[in-house]
Amino acid sequence: MRIVPMIHVPDVAITAQWYTSIGFKLNNLFEEDGQAVWASLSYGDSEIMLNCGGKPSNEWRREFDLYIHVENVDELCQNLKGRVEIVEDLHDTFYGMREFIIRDLNRFWITFGQPVKQ
């Protein structure tokens, strides 16, 4: 069993394009009347779904965050710098993870992390 989050966004097509620009793979895109209404994307073994109907927000932090475990957090952070909004730069946490946080175009936070190397 696994959990696949579904994120409700104002524009599925633009959001899917943004996620693919940072390394996600577009698996499926479903349209109704020429408008994208649902998409499935993957990042390694992880998957997310995008669904239409989400509301724009100016909040500092949205209703939920995505946390993605990666094996190359330092390299990924350097690759994304200057291309995305970084909320928290690369740092080691008290709970043993090395991570950084970005914000997507809908203001949802995405944390990329890997265990601190001992």
C-alpha atoms as a PDB file:
ATOM      1  CA  MET A   1       0.000   0.000   0.000  1.00  0.00           C
ATOM      2  CA  ARG A   2       1.065   3.596  -0.528  1.00  0.00           C
ATOM      3  CA  ILE A   3      -0.287   7.122  -0.272  1.00  0.00           C
ATOM      4  CA  VAL A   4      -0.470   9.343  -3.352  1.00  0.00           C
ATOM      5  CA  PRO A   5      -1.303  12.950  -2.474  1.00  0.00           C
ATOM      6  CA  MET A   6      -3.705  14.859  -4.701  1.00  0.00           C
ATOM      7  CA  ILE A   7      -3.074  18.590  -4.830  1.00  0.00           C
ATOM      8  CA  HIS A   8      -5.923  20.861  -5.916  1.00  0.00           C
ATOM      9  CA  VAL A   9      -4.437  23.679  -8.010  1.00  0.00           C
ATOM     10  CA  PRO A  10      -5.833  26.623  -9.998  1.00  0.00           C
ATOM     11  CA  ASP A  11      -4.173  25.504 -13.273  1.00  0.00           C
ATOM     12  CA  VAL A  12      -3.265  21.831 -13.762  1.00  0.00           C
ATOM     13  CA  ALA A  13      -1.330  22.310 -17.028  1.00  0.00           C
ATOM     14  CA  ILE A  14       0.882  25.140 -15.753  1.00  0.00           C
ATOM     15  CA  THR A  15       1.486  23.356 -12.443  1.00  0.00           C
ATOM     16  CA  ALA A  16       2.422  20.100 -14.209  1.00  0.00           C
ATOM     17  CA  GLN A  17       4.819  22.035 -16.426  1.00  0.00           C
ATOM     18  CA  TRP A  18       6.439  23.639 -13.357  1.00  0.00           C
ATOM     19  CA  TYR A  19       6.895  20.266 -11.643  1.00  0.00           C
ATOM     20  CA  THR A  20       8.453  18.725 -14.752  1.00  0.00           C
ATOM     21  CA  SER A  21      10.861  21.684 -14.904  1.00  0.00           C
ATOM     22  CA  ILE A  22      12.307  20.644 -11.522  1.00  0.00           C
ATOM     23  CA  GLY A  23      12.659  16.948 -12.376  1.00  0.00           C
ATOM     24  CA  PHE A  24       9.237  15.320 -12.046  1.00  0.00           C
ATOM     25  CA  LYS A  25       8.003  13.084 -14.861  1.00  0.00           C
ATOM     26  CA  LEU A  26       4.539  13.646 -16.310  1.00  0.00           C
ATOM     27  CA  ASN A  27       2.774  10.262 -16.396  1.00  0.00           C
ATOM     28  CA  ASN A  28      -0.748  11.274 -17.437  1.00  0.00           C
ATOM     29  CA  LEU A  29      -2.662  14.433 -18.243  1.00  0.00           C
ATOM     30  CA  PHE A  30      -6.448  14.331 -18.629  1.00  0.00           C
ATOM     31  CA  GLU A  31      -8.338  17.115 -20.375  1.00  0.00           C
ATOM     32  CA  GLU A  32     -11.999  18.046 -20.587  1.00  0.00           C
ATOM     33  CA  ASP A  33     -13.107  20.512 -23.259  1.00  0.00           C
ATOM     34  CA  GLY A  34      -9.484  21.325 -24.050  1.00  0.00           C
ATOM     35  CA  GLN A  35      -8.580  22.186 -20.440  1.00  0.00           C
ATOM     36  CA  ALA A  36      -6.269  20.079 -18.268  1.00  0.00           C
ATOM     37  CA  VAL A  37      -8.252  18.919 -15.228  1.00  0.00           C
ATOM     38  CA  TRP A  38      -6.039  16.173 -13.762  1.00  0.00           C
ATOM     39  CA  ALA A  39      -2.434  15.014 -13.976  1.00  0.00           C
ATOM     40  CA  SER A  40      -0.234  12.320 -12.499  1.00  0.00           C
ATOM     41  CA  LEU A  41       3.466  12.952 -11.974  1.00  0.00           C
ATOM     42  CA  SER A  42       6.283  10.932 -10.467  1.00  0.00           C
ATOM     43  CA  TYR A  43       9.623  11.675  -8.862  1.00  0.00           C
ATOM     44  CA  GLY A  44      11.600   8.492  -8.476  1.00  0.00           C
ATOM     45  CA  ASP A  45       9.274   6.060  -6.674  1.00  0.00           C
ATOM     46  CA  SER A  46       6.980   8.848  -5.463  1.00  0.00           C
ATOM     47  CA  GLU A  47       3.821  10.022  -7.166  1.00  0.00           C
ATOM     48  CA  ILE A  48       1.539  13.039  -6.878  1.00  0.00           C
ATOM     49  CA  MET A  49      -1.707  13.904  -8.598  1.00  0.00           C
ATOM     50  CA  LEU A  50      -2.881  17.375  -9.552  1.00  0.00           C
ATOM     51  CA  ASN A  51      -6.570  18.178  -9.757  1.00  0.00           C
ATOM     52  CA  CYS A  52      -8.338  21.334 -10.890  1.00  0.00           C
ATOM     53  CA  GLY A  53     -10.356  23.508  -8.543  1.00  0.00           C
ATOM     54  CA  GLY A  54      -7.623  24.747  -6.226  1.00  0.00           C
ATOM     55  CA  LYS A  55      -7.675  28.339  -5.055  1.00  0.00           C
ATOM     56  CA  PRO A  56      -4.810  30.820  -5.399  1.00  0.00           C
ATOM     57  CA  SER A  57      -3.183  31.820  -2.126  1.00  0.00           C
ATOM     58  CA  ASN A  58      -0.878  34.500  -0.774  1.00  0.00           C
ATOM     59  CA  GLU A  59      -0.369  32.653   2.515  1.00  0.00           C
ATOM     60  CA  TRP A  60       3.203  32.128   3.761  1.00  0.00           C
ATOM     61  CA  ARG A  61       2.537  28.386   4.008  1.00  0.00           C
ATOM     62  CA  ARG A  62      -0.271  26.331   2.500  1.00  0.00           C
ATOM     63  CA  GLU A  63      -2.380  23.541   4.019  1.00  0.00           C
ATOM     64  CA  PHE A  64       0.219  20.823   3.515  1.00  0.00           C
ATOM     65  CA  ASP A  65       3.815  20.258   2.416  1.00  0.00           C
ATOM     66  CA  LEU A  66       5.462  17.578   0.320  1.00  0.00           C
ATOM     67  CA  TYR A  67       8.544  15.855   1.766  1.00  0.00           C
ATOM     68  CA  ILE A  68      10.683  14.006  -0.767  1.00  0.00           C
ATOM     69  CA  HIS A  69      13.521  11.703   0.266  1.00  0.00           C
ATOM     70  CA  VAL A  70      16.443  11.959  -2.177  1.00  0.00           C
ATOM     71  CA  GLU A  71      19.960  10.584  -2.388  1.00  0.00           C
ATOM     72  CA  ASN A  72      21.664  13.719  -3.738  1.00  0.00           C
ATOM     73  CA  VAL A  73      20.296  16.629  -1.700  1.00  0.00           C
ATOM     74  CA  ASP A  74      23.397  18.853  -2.023  1.00  0.00           C
ATOM     75  CA  GLU A  75      23.578  18.460  -5.801  1.00  0.00           C
ATOM     76  CA  LEU A  76      19.823  18.923  -6.195  1.00  0.00           C
ATOM     77  CA  CYS A  77      19.867  22.113  -4.121  1.00  0.00           C
ATOM     78  CA  GLN A  78      22.657  23.574  -6.250  1.00  0.00           C
ATOM     79  CA  ASN A  79      20.787  22.593  -9.428  1.00  0.00           C
ATOM     80  CA  LEU A  80      17.560  24.313  -8.318  1.00  0.00           C
ATOM     81  CA  LYS A  81      19.120  27.522  -6.948  1.00  0.00           C
ATOM     82  CA  GLY A  82      18.154  30.490  -9.081  1.00  0.00           C
ATOM     83  CA  ARG A  83      15.317  28.518 -10.684  1.00  0.00           C
ATOM     84  CA  VAL A  84      12.894  28.241  -7.755  1.00  0.00           C
ATOM     85  CA  GLU A  85      12.027  30.140  -4.591  1.00  0.00           C
ATOM     86  CA  ILE A  86      14.053  28.712  -1.724  1.00  0.00           C
ATOM     87  CA  VAL A  87      12.254  28.963   1.623  1.00  0.00           C
ATOM     88  CA  GLU A  88      15.074  27.390   3.676  1.00  0.00           C
ATOM     89  CA  ASP A  89      18.544  26.785   2.294  1.00  0.00           C
ATOM     90  CA  LEU A  90      20.428  23.526   2.748  1.00  0.00           C
ATOM     91  CA  HIS A  91      20.841  22.649   6.433  1.00  0.00           C
ATOM     92  CA  ASP A  92      21.154  19.730   8.843  1.00  0.00           C
ATOM     93  CA  THR A  93      18.216  19.176  11.183  1.00  0.00           C
ATOM     94  CA  PHE A  94      18.038  18.004  14.793  1.00  0.00           C
ATOM     95  CA  TYR A  95      16.204  14.887  13.540  1.00  0.00           C
ATOM     96  CA  GLY A  96      19.135  13.709  11.409  1.00  0.00           C
ATOM     97  CA  MET A  97      18.182  14.939   7.946  1.00  0.00           C
ATOM     98  CA  ARG A  98      20.021  17.219   5.527  1.00  0.00           C
ATOM     99  CA  GLU A  99      17.372  19.180   3.665  1.00  0.00           C
ATOM    100  CA  PHE A 100      16.212  22.320   1.925  1.00  0.00           C
ATOM    101  CA  ILE A 101      12.738  23.712   1.287  1.00  0.00           C
ATOM    102  CA  ILE A 102      11.361  25.333  -1.861  1.00  0.00           C
ATOM    103  CA  ARG A 103       7.964  26.792  -2.683  1.00  0.00           C
ATOM    104  CA  ASP A 104       6.069  25.762  -5.812  1.00  0.00           C
ATOM    105  CA  LEU A 105       4.175  28.215  -8.002  1.00  0.00           C
ATOM    106  CA  ASN A 106       1.008  27.673  -5.919  1.00  0.00           C
ATOM    107  CA  ARG A 107       2.939  28.403  -2.690  1.00  0.00           C
ATOM    108  CA  PHE A 108       3.038  24.784  -1.457  1.00  0.00           C
ATOM    109  CA  TRP A 109       6.312  23.906   0.279  1.00  0.00           C
ATOM    110  CA  ILE A 110       8.423  21.020  -0.972  1.00  0.00           C
ATOM    111  CA  THR A 111      11.201  19.718   1.249  1.00  0.00           C
ATOM    112  CA  PHE A 112      13.957  17.570  -0.255  1.00  0.00           C
ATOM    113  CA  GLY A 113      15.921  15.616   2.345  1.00  0.00           C
ATOM    114  CA  GLN A 114      18.319  12.779   2.957  1.00  0.00           C
ATOM    115  CA  PRO A 115      19.792  11.310   6.138  1.00  0.00           C
ATOM    116  CA  VAL A 116      22.869  13.149   7.413  1.00  0.00           C
ATOM    117  CA  LYS A 117      25.976  11.190   6.509  1.00  0.00           C
ATOM    118  CA  GLN A 118      27.732   9.903   9.618  1.00  0.00           C
END
